[in-house]
Amino acid sequence: MREARRTADRAASRIGEALGAQVTGIYLHGSLAIGGFNPARSDIDLLVVVRERPERDRLRELTRSILDVHNGFPEGRDLEFSVVEEAVLHHFVHPTPCVYHYSGVHRQRYASDPDYLCADYEDADLAAQITVAYERGVALYGQPLRDLYPPVPRADYLESVWSDVSNAEAEIVDNSVYLTLNLCRVLMFLEEGAVASKKEGGEWAVKSLPEWSDIVRPVLASYQGEAESPPTVPESRLKAFAHAMMQAIGQQRSGGQP
């Protein structure tokens, strides 16, 4: 954990150097901030807030700088961050305009094409990421988000996390760990009002949904690196779990009406 946190600090420092005075805050979110970080495979997740959109040359410099940092990461660890303008946090916009995005998915393209930028698009996932950074994140540079901006509207957060699990019934067999734990934390939010990590969502489900413990326990153990990955879980049970969770989430979203 300490080594990963030092890595996050180093990445934040290089982002700040590349973007300069435009940066108002850099925030650690995800499992390293809120729990469940697995040193063998968990990503480092950051949110970067800027006063206004940097020039493209600045963004290209950011790419070069962050590629250099990423090349020093341990094998299996990834880095992901998005840059947003603070105006959209003062008056929240969903889907949220993303100024610039970096992740392992884009790493090879960034390395091979110096003109490439994943930038200037609307990202429905950002409402969830900003909420986690706001509620549970760690300010690596600047003041905490909650000291500067209003919270993301609940409806926007819910729409964001819902979009992430909306195809769970069709996809859970191929992505059992991610979708099982995300379904758990979405339902946990709806029932408890808690913005939770995947680990916390799984732990809550083990206690609150004992009828599904045969699904959640092995998935949680796999996520934490304590058991095989992917876990051995019958496909029929996974699909039944996804169906039941989607029904429960849908009922909660509609105000408890069946």
C-alpha atoms as a PDB file:
ATOM      1  CA  MET A   1       0.000   0.000   0.000  1.00  0.00           C
ATOM      2  CA  ARG A   2       2.773   2.446   0.860  1.00  0.00           C
ATOM      3  CA  GLU A   3       4.570   1.713  -2.394  1.00  0.00           C
ATOM      4  CA  ALA A   4       1.349   2.191  -4.356  1.00  0.00           C
ATOM      5  CA  ARG A   5       0.647   5.460  -2.588  1.00  0.00           C
ATOM      6  CA  ARG A   6       4.142   6.700  -3.433  1.00  0.00           C
ATOM      7  CA  THR A   7       3.449   5.763  -7.049  1.00  0.00           C
ATOM      8  CA  ALA A   8       0.191   7.743  -6.973  1.00  0.00           C
ATOM      9  CA  ASP A   9       2.007  10.743  -5.506  1.00  0.00           C
ATOM     10  CA  ARG A  10       4.645  10.516  -8.227  1.00  0.00           C
ATOM     11  CA  ALA A  11       2.008  10.406 -10.955  1.00  0.00           C
ATOM     12  CA  ALA A  12       0.201  13.382  -9.396  1.00  0.00           C
ATOM     13  CA  SER A  13       3.449  15.333  -9.259  1.00  0.00           C
ATOM     14  CA  ARG A  14       4.146  14.748 -12.948  1.00  0.00           C
ATOM     15  CA  ILE A  15       0.584  15.709 -13.888  1.00  0.00           C
ATOM     16  CA  GLY A  16       0.989  18.933 -11.945  1.00  0.00           C
ATOM     17  CA  GLU A  17       4.298  19.705 -13.624  1.00  0.00           C
ATOM     18  CA  ALA A  18       2.855  19.095 -17.095  1.00  0.00           C
ATOM     19  CA  LEU A  19      -0.312  21.155 -16.638  1.00  0.00           C
ATOM     20  CA  GLY A  20       1.128  23.824 -14.389  1.00  0.00           C
ATOM     21  CA  ALA A  21      -1.041  26.540 -12.866  1.00  0.00           C
ATOM     22  CA  GLN A  22      -4.144  25.231 -14.624  1.00  0.00           C
ATOM     23  CA  VAL A  23      -4.432  22.475 -12.001  1.00  0.00           C
ATOM     24  CA  THR A  24      -6.647  23.224  -8.992  1.00  0.00           C
ATOM     25  CA  GLY A  25      -6.741  19.711  -7.551  1.00  0.00           C
ATOM     26  CA  ILE A  26      -5.630  16.105  -8.009  1.00  0.00           C
ATOM     27  CA  TYR A  27      -7.601  13.430  -6.182  1.00  0.00           C
ATOM     28  CA  LEU A  28      -6.992   9.768  -5.514  1.00  0.00           C
ATOM     29  CA  HIS A  29     -10.126   7.645  -5.693  1.00  0.00           C
ATOM     30  CA  GLY A  30     -10.864   3.974  -6.330  1.00  0.00           C
ATOM     31  CA  SER A  31      -9.650   1.068  -4.222  1.00  0.00           C
ATOM     32  CA  LEU A  32      -6.370   2.658  -3.139  1.00  0.00           C
ATOM     33  CA  ALA A  33      -8.319   5.480  -1.512  1.00  0.00           C
ATOM     34  CA  ILE A  34     -11.354   3.678  -0.130  1.00  0.00           C
ATOM     35  CA  GLY A  35     -10.261   0.079   0.429  1.00  0.00           C
ATOM     36  CA  GLY A  36      -9.820  -3.233  -1.351  1.00  0.00           C
ATOM     37  CA  PHE A  37      -6.583  -2.378  -3.163  1.00  0.00           C
ATOM     38  CA  ASN A  38      -4.833  -5.495  -4.489  1.00  0.00           C
ATOM     39  CA  PRO A  39      -1.128  -4.757  -5.112  1.00  0.00           C
ATOM     40  CA  ALA A  40      -0.973  -7.463  -7.765  1.00  0.00           C
ATOM     41  CA  ARG A  41      -3.658  -6.086 -10.054  1.00  0.00           C
ATOM     42  CA  SER A  42      -5.522  -3.023  -8.784  1.00  0.00           C
ATOM     43  CA  ASP A  43      -5.309   0.196 -10.772  1.00  0.00           C
ATOM     44  CA  ILE A  44      -4.382   3.613  -9.451  1.00  0.00           C
ATOM     45  CA  ASP A  45      -7.286   5.973 -10.139  1.00  0.00           C
ATOM     46  CA  LEU A  46      -6.995   9.767 -10.177  1.00  0.00           C
ATOM     47  CA  LEU A  47      -9.232  12.713 -10.932  1.00  0.00           C
ATOM     48  CA  VAL A  48      -7.641  15.959 -12.117  1.00  0.00           C
ATOM     49  CA  VAL A  49      -9.494  19.284 -11.948  1.00  0.00           C
ATOM     50  CA  VAL A  50      -8.312  22.265 -14.012  1.00  0.00           C
ATOM     51  CA  ARG A  51      -9.404  25.891 -14.243  1.00  0.00           C
ATOM     52  CA  GLU A  52      -9.940  25.641 -17.987  1.00  0.00           C
ATOM     53  CA  ARG A  53      -8.996  23.351 -20.825  1.00  0.00           C
ATOM     54  CA  PRO A  54      -5.204  23.255 -21.359  1.00  0.00           C
ATOM     55  CA  GLU A  55      -3.743  23.812 -24.815  1.00  0.00           C
ATOM     56  CA  ARG A  56      -3.194  20.668 -26.882  1.00  0.00           C
ATOM     57  CA  ASP A  57       0.589  21.027 -26.576  1.00  0.00           C
ATOM     58  CA  ARG A  58       0.186  20.907 -22.794  1.00  0.00           C
ATOM     59  CA  LEU A  59      -1.886  17.762 -23.100  1.00  0.00           C
ATOM     60  CA  ARG A  60       0.730  16.166 -25.332  1.00  0.00           C
ATOM     61  CA  GLU A  61       3.358  17.047 -22.739  1.00  0.00           C
ATOM     62  CA  LEU A  62       1.140  15.443 -20.127  1.00  0.00           C
ATOM     63  CA  THR A  63       1.013  12.268 -22.221  1.00  0.00           C
ATOM     64  CA  ARG A  64       4.798  12.112 -22.542  1.00  0.00           C
ATOM     65  CA  SER A  65       5.273  12.735 -18.846  1.00  0.00           C
ATOM     66  CA  ILE A  66       2.723  10.193 -17.666  1.00  0.00           C
ATOM     67  CA  LEU A  67       3.976   7.506 -20.062  1.00  0.00           C
ATOM     68  CA  ASP A  68       7.378   7.895 -18.430  1.00  0.00           C
ATOM     69  CA  VAL A  69       5.836   7.375 -14.991  1.00  0.00           C
ATOM     70  CA  HIS A  70       3.666   4.469 -16.146  1.00  0.00           C
ATOM     71  CA  ASN A  71       6.683   2.662 -17.589  1.00  0.00           C
ATOM     72  CA  GLY A  72       8.017   2.386 -14.042  1.00  0.00           C
ATOM     73  CA  PHE A  73       4.902   0.687 -12.685  1.00  0.00           C
ATOM     74  CA  PRO A  74       5.063  -2.927 -11.487  1.00  0.00           C
ATOM     75  CA  GLU A  75       3.726  -5.441 -14.008  1.00  0.00           C
ATOM     76  CA  GLY A  76      -0.025  -5.826 -13.774  1.00  0.00           C
ATOM     77  CA  ARG A  77      -0.688  -2.395 -12.311  1.00  0.00           C
ATOM     78  CA  ASP A  78      -2.414   0.239 -14.376  1.00  0.00           C
ATOM     79  CA  LEU A  79      -2.987   3.979 -14.136  1.00  0.00           C
ATOM     80  CA  GLU A  80      -6.206   5.715 -15.064  1.00  0.00           C
ATOM     81  CA  PHE A  81      -7.206   9.351 -14.755  1.00  0.00           C
ATOM     82  CA  SER A  82      -9.482  11.941 -16.290  1.00  0.00           C
ATOM     83  CA  VAL A  83      -9.140  15.716 -16.458  1.00  0.00           C
ATOM     84  CA  VAL A  84     -12.241  17.881 -15.999  1.00  0.00           C
ATOM     85  CA  GLU A  85     -12.830  21.620 -15.841  1.00  0.00           C
ATOM     86  CA  GLU A  86     -13.943  22.963 -12.485  1.00  0.00           C
ATOM     87  CA  ALA A  87     -16.914  24.738 -14.098  1.00  0.00           C
ATOM     88  CA  VAL A  88     -18.696  21.393 -14.544  1.00  0.00           C
ATOM     89  CA  LEU A  89     -18.250  20.709 -10.825  1.00  0.00           C
ATOM     90  CA  HIS A  90     -19.701  24.064  -9.784  1.00  0.00           C
ATOM     91  CA  HIS A  91     -22.740  23.393 -11.971  1.00  0.00           C
ATOM     92  CA  PHE A  92     -22.649  19.664 -12.550  1.00  0.00           C
ATOM     93  CA  VAL A  93     -23.107  18.349 -16.060  1.00  0.00           C
ATOM     94  CA  HIS A  94     -23.998  14.725 -16.834  1.00  0.00           C
ATOM     95  CA  PRO A  95     -22.678  13.049 -18.909  1.00  0.00           C
ATOM     96  CA  THR A  96     -19.626  14.995 -17.856  1.00  0.00           C
ATOM     97  CA  PRO A  97     -17.348  16.652 -20.443  1.00  0.00           C
ATOM     98  CA  CYS A  98     -13.905  15.072 -20.197  1.00  0.00           C
ATOM     99  CA  VAL A  99     -10.965  17.258 -21.190  1.00  0.00           C
ATOM    100  CA  TYR A 100      -8.437  14.405 -21.349  1.00  0.00           C
ATOM    101  CA  HIS A 101      -8.306  10.737 -20.401  1.00  0.00           C
ATOM    102  CA  TYR A 102      -5.426   8.349 -19.820  1.00  0.00           C
ATOM    103  CA  SER A 103      -5.598   4.628 -19.088  1.00  0.00           C
ATOM    104  CA  GLY A 104      -3.921   1.362 -19.987  1.00  0.00           C
ATOM    105  CA  VAL A 105      -6.425   0.939 -22.819  1.00  0.00           C
ATOM    106  CA  HIS A 106      -4.901   3.977 -24.524  1.00  0.00           C
ATOM    107  CA  ARG A 107      -1.305   3.473 -23.426  1.00  0.00           C
ATOM    108  CA  GLN A 108      -0.033   1.800 -26.590  1.00  0.00           C
ATOM    109  CA  ARG A 109      -1.718   4.359 -28.856  1.00  0.00           C
ATOM    110  CA  TYR A 110      -0.298   7.208 -26.802  1.00  0.00           C
ATOM    111  CA  ALA A 111       3.176   5.657 -26.996  1.00  0.00           C
ATOM    112  CA  SER A 112       3.065   5.071 -30.761  1.00  0.00           C
ATOM    113  CA  ASP A 113       1.269   8.234 -31.902  1.00  0.00           C
ATOM    114  CA  PRO A 114       2.567  11.489 -30.385  1.00  0.00           C
ATOM    115  CA  ASP A 115      -0.415  13.433 -31.783  1.00  0.00           C
ATOM    116  CA  TYR A 116      -3.082  11.168 -30.328  1.00  0.00           C
ATOM    117  CA  LEU A 117      -5.320  12.532 -27.584  1.00  0.00           C
ATOM    118  CA  CYS A 118      -8.296  10.845 -25.938  1.00  0.00           C
ATOM    119  CA  ALA A 119      -9.989  14.138 -25.235  1.00  0.00           C
ATOM    120  CA  ASP A 120     -13.066  16.335 -25.515  1.00  0.00           C
ATOM    121  CA  TYR A 121     -15.905  13.841 -25.112  1.00  0.00           C
ATOM    122  CA  GLU A 122     -18.804  13.201 -22.726  1.00  0.00           C
ATOM    123  CA  ASP A 123     -18.211  10.452 -20.140  1.00  0.00           C
ATOM    124  CA  ALA A 124     -21.171   8.931 -18.287  1.00  0.00           C
ATOM    125  CA  ASP A 125     -18.788   7.172 -15.863  1.00  0.00           C
ATOM    126  CA  LEU A 126     -17.413  10.418 -14.459  1.00  0.00           C
ATOM    127  CA  ALA A 127     -20.427  11.116 -12.235  1.00  0.00           C
ATOM    128  CA  ALA A 128     -19.625   7.947 -10.282  1.00  0.00           C
ATOM    129  CA  GLN A 129     -15.885   8.618 -10.170  1.00  0.00           C
ATOM    130  CA  ILE A 130     -16.351  12.209  -9.035  1.00  0.00           C
ATOM    131  CA  THR A 131     -18.803  11.090  -6.349  1.00  0.00           C
ATOM    132  CA  VAL A 132     -16.284   8.599  -4.951  1.00  0.00           C
ATOM    133  CA  ALA A 133     -13.558  11.243  -5.027  1.00  0.00           C
ATOM    134  CA  TYR A 134     -15.910  13.705  -3.317  1.00  0.00           C
ATOM    135  CA  GLU A 135     -17.139  11.314  -0.612  1.00  0.00           C
ATOM    136  CA  ARG A 136     -14.118   9.099  -0.016  1.00  0.00           C
ATOM    137  CA  GLY A 137     -11.201  10.432  -2.053  1.00  0.00           C
ATOM    138  CA  VAL A 138      -7.807  11.730  -0.962  1.00  0.00           C
ATOM    139  CA  ALA A 139      -6.565  15.140  -2.083  1.00  0.00           C
ATOM    140  CA  LEU A 140      -3.016  14.693  -3.407  1.00  0.00           C
ATOM    141  CA  TYR A 141      -2.927  18.334  -4.450  1.00  0.00           C
ATOM    142  CA  GLY A 142      -5.340  21.146  -3.597  1.00  0.00           C
ATOM    143  CA  GLN A 143      -8.273  21.289  -1.214  1.00  0.00           C
ATOM    144  CA  PRO A 144     -10.772  18.429  -0.774  1.00  0.00           C
ATOM    145  CA  LEU A 145     -13.541  18.452  -3.361  1.00  0.00           C
ATOM    146  CA  ARG A 146     -16.229  18.821  -0.687  1.00  0.00           C
ATOM    147  CA  ASP A 147     -14.639  22.089   0.433  1.00  0.00           C
ATOM    148  CA  LEU A 148     -14.920  23.587  -3.042  1.00  0.00           C
ATOM    149  CA  TYR A 149     -17.931  22.198  -4.890  1.00  0.00           C
ATOM    150  CA  PRO A 150     -21.449  20.910  -4.286  1.00  0.00           C
ATOM    151  CA  PRO A 151     -21.968  17.132  -4.418  1.00  0.00           C
ATOM    152  CA  VAL A 152     -22.892  15.365  -7.621  1.00  0.00           C
ATOM    153  CA  PRO A 153     -26.711  15.145  -7.790  1.00  0.00           C
ATOM    154  CA  ARG A 154     -27.931  11.771  -6.549  1.00  0.00           C
ATOM    155  CA  ALA A 155     -29.853  11.117  -9.756  1.00  0.00           C
ATOM    156  CA  ASP A 156     -26.710  11.636 -11.867  1.00  0.00           C
ATOM    157  CA  TYR A 157     -24.662   9.328  -9.655  1.00  0.00           C
ATOM    158  CA  LEU A 158     -27.359   6.648  -9.852  1.00  0.00           C
ATOM    159  CA  GLU A 159     -27.606   6.951 -13.629  1.00  0.00           C
ATOM    160  CA  SER A 160     -23.829   6.617 -13.850  1.00  0.00           C
ATOM    161  CA  VAL A 161     -23.536   3.467 -11.717  1.00  0.00           C
ATOM    162  CA  TRP A 162     -26.641   1.989 -13.338  1.00  0.00           C
ATOM    163  CA  SER A 163     -25.099   2.365 -16.802  1.00  0.00           C
ATOM    164  CA  ASP A 164     -22.103   0.398 -15.557  1.00  0.00           C
ATOM    165  CA  VAL A 165     -24.217  -2.648 -14.596  1.00  0.00           C
ATOM    166  CA  SER A 166     -27.179  -2.358 -16.958  1.00  0.00           C
ATOM    167  CA  ASN A 167     -26.001  -5.317 -19.098  1.00  0.00           C
ATOM    168  CA  ALA A 168     -25.049  -7.483 -16.132  1.00  0.00           C
ATOM    169  CA  GLU A 169     -27.420 -10.338 -16.967  1.00  0.00           C
ATOM    170  CA  ALA A 170     -25.811 -10.786 -20.391  1.00  0.00           C
ATOM    171  CA  GLU A 171     -22.220 -10.160 -19.306  1.00  0.00           C
ATOM    172  CA  ILE A 172     -21.817 -11.535 -15.770  1.00  0.00           C
ATOM    173  CA  VAL A 173     -20.499 -14.954 -16.821  1.00  0.00           C
ATOM    174  CA  ASP A 174     -17.616 -13.331 -18.729  1.00  0.00           C
ATOM    175  CA  ASN A 175     -16.942 -10.639 -16.118  1.00  0.00           C
ATOM    176  CA  SER A 176     -18.083 -12.229 -12.884  1.00  0.00           C
ATOM    177  CA  VAL A 177     -15.873 -10.462 -10.354  1.00  0.00           C
ATOM    178  CA  TYR A 178     -16.364  -6.903 -11.582  1.00  0.00           C
ATOM    179  CA  LEU A 179     -20.105  -7.154 -12.188  1.00  0.00           C
ATOM    180  CA  THR A 180     -20.967  -9.178  -9.076  1.00  0.00           C
ATOM    181  CA  LEU A 181     -19.268  -6.717  -6.759  1.00  0.00           C
ATOM    182  CA  ASN A 182     -20.540  -3.676  -8.624  1.00  0.00           C
ATOM    183  CA  LEU A 183     -24.113  -4.964  -8.409  1.00  0.00           C
ATOM    184  CA  CYS A 184     -23.587  -5.376  -4.666  1.00  0.00           C
ATOM    185  CA  ARG A 185     -22.347  -1.857  -4.141  1.00  0.00           C
ATOM    186  CA  VAL A 186     -25.087  -0.315  -6.268  1.00  0.00           C
ATOM    187  CA  LEU A 187     -27.763  -2.059  -4.204  1.00  0.00           C
ATOM    188  CA  MET A 188     -25.893  -1.134  -1.020  1.00  0.00           C
ATOM    189  CA  PHE A 189     -26.027   2.522  -2.042  1.00  0.00           C
ATOM    190  CA  LEU A 190     -29.744   2.327  -2.761  1.00  0.00           C
ATOM    191  CA  GLU A 191     -30.537   0.613   0.531  1.00  0.00           C
ATOM    192  CA  GLU A 192     -27.970   2.211   2.853  1.00  0.00           C
ATOM    193  CA  GLY A 193     -27.004   5.466   1.135  1.00  0.00           C
ATOM    194  CA  ALA A 194     -23.315   4.519   1.352  1.00  0.00           C
ATOM    195  CA  VAL A 195     -20.795   5.179  -1.412  1.00  0.00           C
ATOM    196  CA  ALA A 196     -18.784   1.965  -1.153  1.00  0.00           C
ATOM    197  CA  SER A 197     -15.862   0.187  -2.745  1.00  0.00           C
ATOM    198  CA  LYS A 198     -16.357  -3.120  -4.556  1.00  0.00           C
ATOM    199  CA  LYS A 199     -14.868  -4.866  -1.513  1.00  0.00           C
ATOM    200  CA  GLU A 200     -17.244  -3.100   0.861  1.00  0.00           C
ATOM    201  CA  GLY A 201     -20.179  -3.875  -1.405  1.00  0.00           C
ATOM    202  CA  GLY A 202     -19.284  -7.551  -1.389  1.00  0.00           C
ATOM    203  CA  GLU A 203     -18.870  -7.633   2.373  1.00  0.00           C
ATOM    204  CA  TRP A 204     -22.237  -5.942   2.801  1.00  0.00           C
ATOM    205  CA  ALA A 205     -23.912  -8.466   0.498  1.00  0.00           C
ATOM    206  CA  VAL A 206     -22.477 -11.436   2.391  1.00  0.00           C
ATOM    207  CA  LYS A 207     -24.236 -10.158   5.516  1.00  0.00           C
ATOM    208  CA  SER A 208     -27.352  -8.635   3.978  1.00  0.00           C
ATOM    209  CA  LEU A 209     -28.026 -11.136   1.186  1.00  0.00           C
ATOM    210  CA  PRO A 210     -27.138 -14.517   2.736  1.00  0.00           C
ATOM    211  CA  GLU A 211     -29.087 -16.353   0.042  1.00  0.00           C
ATOM    212  CA  TRP A 212     -26.370 -15.275  -2.403  1.00  0.00           C
ATOM    213  CA  SER A 213     -23.324 -15.882  -0.200  1.00  0.00           C
ATOM    214  CA  ASP A 214     -22.324 -18.886  -2.359  1.00  0.00           C
ATOM    215  CA  ILE A 215     -21.812 -16.396  -5.192  1.00  0.00           C
ATOM    216  CA  VAL A 216     -20.449 -13.383  -3.374  1.00  0.00           C
ATOM    217  CA  ARG A 217     -17.939 -15.104  -1.061  1.00  0.00           C
ATOM    218  CA  PRO A 218     -15.805 -16.761  -3.780  1.00  0.00           C
ATOM    219  CA  VAL A 219     -15.978 -13.660  -5.970  1.00  0.00           C
ATOM    220  CA  LEU A 220     -14.867 -11.466  -3.064  1.00  0.00           C
ATOM    221  CA  ALA A 221     -12.025 -13.864  -2.232  1.00  0.00           C
ATOM    222  CA  SER A 222     -10.884 -13.779  -5.858  1.00  0.00           C
ATOM    223  CA  TYR A 223     -11.032  -9.987  -5.942  1.00  0.00           C
ATOM    224  CA  GLN A 224      -8.844  -9.791  -2.849  1.00  0.00           C
ATOM    225  CA  GLY A 225      -6.323 -12.270  -4.243  1.00  0.00           C
ATOM    226  CA  GLU A 226      -7.209 -14.950  -1.708  1.00  0.00           C
ATOM    227  CA  ALA A 227      -8.553 -17.497  -4.212  1.00  0.00           C
ATOM    228  CA  GLU A 228      -8.462 -18.464  -7.866  1.00  0.00           C
ATOM    229  CA  SER A 229      -9.386 -15.952 -10.512  1.00  0.00           C
ATOM    230  CA  PRO A 230     -11.858 -16.163 -12.068  1.00  0.00           C
ATOM    231  CA  PRO A 231     -13.697 -17.977  -9.287  1.00  0.00           C
ATOM    232  CA  THR A 232     -15.445 -21.268  -9.935  1.00  0.00           C
ATOM    233  CA  VAL A 233     -19.127 -20.397  -9.730  1.00  0.00           C
ATOM    234  CA  PRO A 234     -21.934 -22.172 -11.628  1.00  0.00           C
ATOM    235  CA  GLU A 235     -23.089 -20.118 -14.585  1.00  0.00           C
ATOM    236  CA  SER A 236     -26.731 -20.727 -13.735  1.00  0.00           C
ATOM    237  CA  ARG A 237     -26.246 -19.252 -10.256  1.00  0.00           C
ATOM    238  CA  LEU A 238     -24.374 -16.248 -11.618  1.00  0.00           C
ATOM    239  CA  LYS A 239     -27.180 -15.513 -14.069  1.00  0.00           C
ATOM    240  CA  ALA A 240     -29.808 -15.990 -11.370  1.00  0.00           C
ATOM    241  CA  PHE A 241     -27.889 -13.649  -9.090  1.00  0.00           C
ATOM    242  CA  ALA A 242     -27.635 -10.984 -11.786  1.00  0.00           C
ATOM    243  CA  HIS A 243     -31.345 -11.278 -12.553  1.00  0.00           C
ATOM    244  CA  ALA A 244     -32.347 -10.979  -8.889  1.00  0.00           C
ATOM    245  CA  MET A 245     -30.012  -8.045  -8.289  1.00  0.00           C
ATOM    246  CA  MET A 246     -31.210  -6.186 -11.366  1.00  0.00           C
ATOM    247  CA  GLN A 247     -34.791  -6.619 -10.206  1.00  0.00           C
ATOM    248  CA  ALA A 248     -33.933  -5.368  -6.706  1.00  0.00           C
ATOM    249  CA  ILE A 249     -31.986  -2.401  -8.060  1.00  0.00           C
ATOM    250  CA  GLY A 250     -34.732  -1.558 -10.537  1.00  0.00           C
ATOM    251  CA  GLN A 251     -37.361  -1.644  -7.791  1.00  0.00           C
ATOM    252  CA  GLN A 252     -35.272   0.639  -5.578  1.00  0.00           C
ATOM    253  CA  ARG A 253     -34.668   3.055  -8.448  1.00  0.00           C
ATOM    254  CA  SER A 254     -38.402   3.277  -9.103  1.00  0.00           C
ATOM    255  CA  GLY A 255     -39.079   4.187  -5.502  1.00  0.00           C
ATOM    256  CA  GLY A 256     -39.760   0.719  -4.137  1.00  0.00           C
ATOM    257  CA  GLN A 257     -42.631  -0.049  -6.513  1.00  0.00           C
ATOM    258  CA  PRO A 258     -42.703  -3.632  -7.833  1.00  0.00           C
END
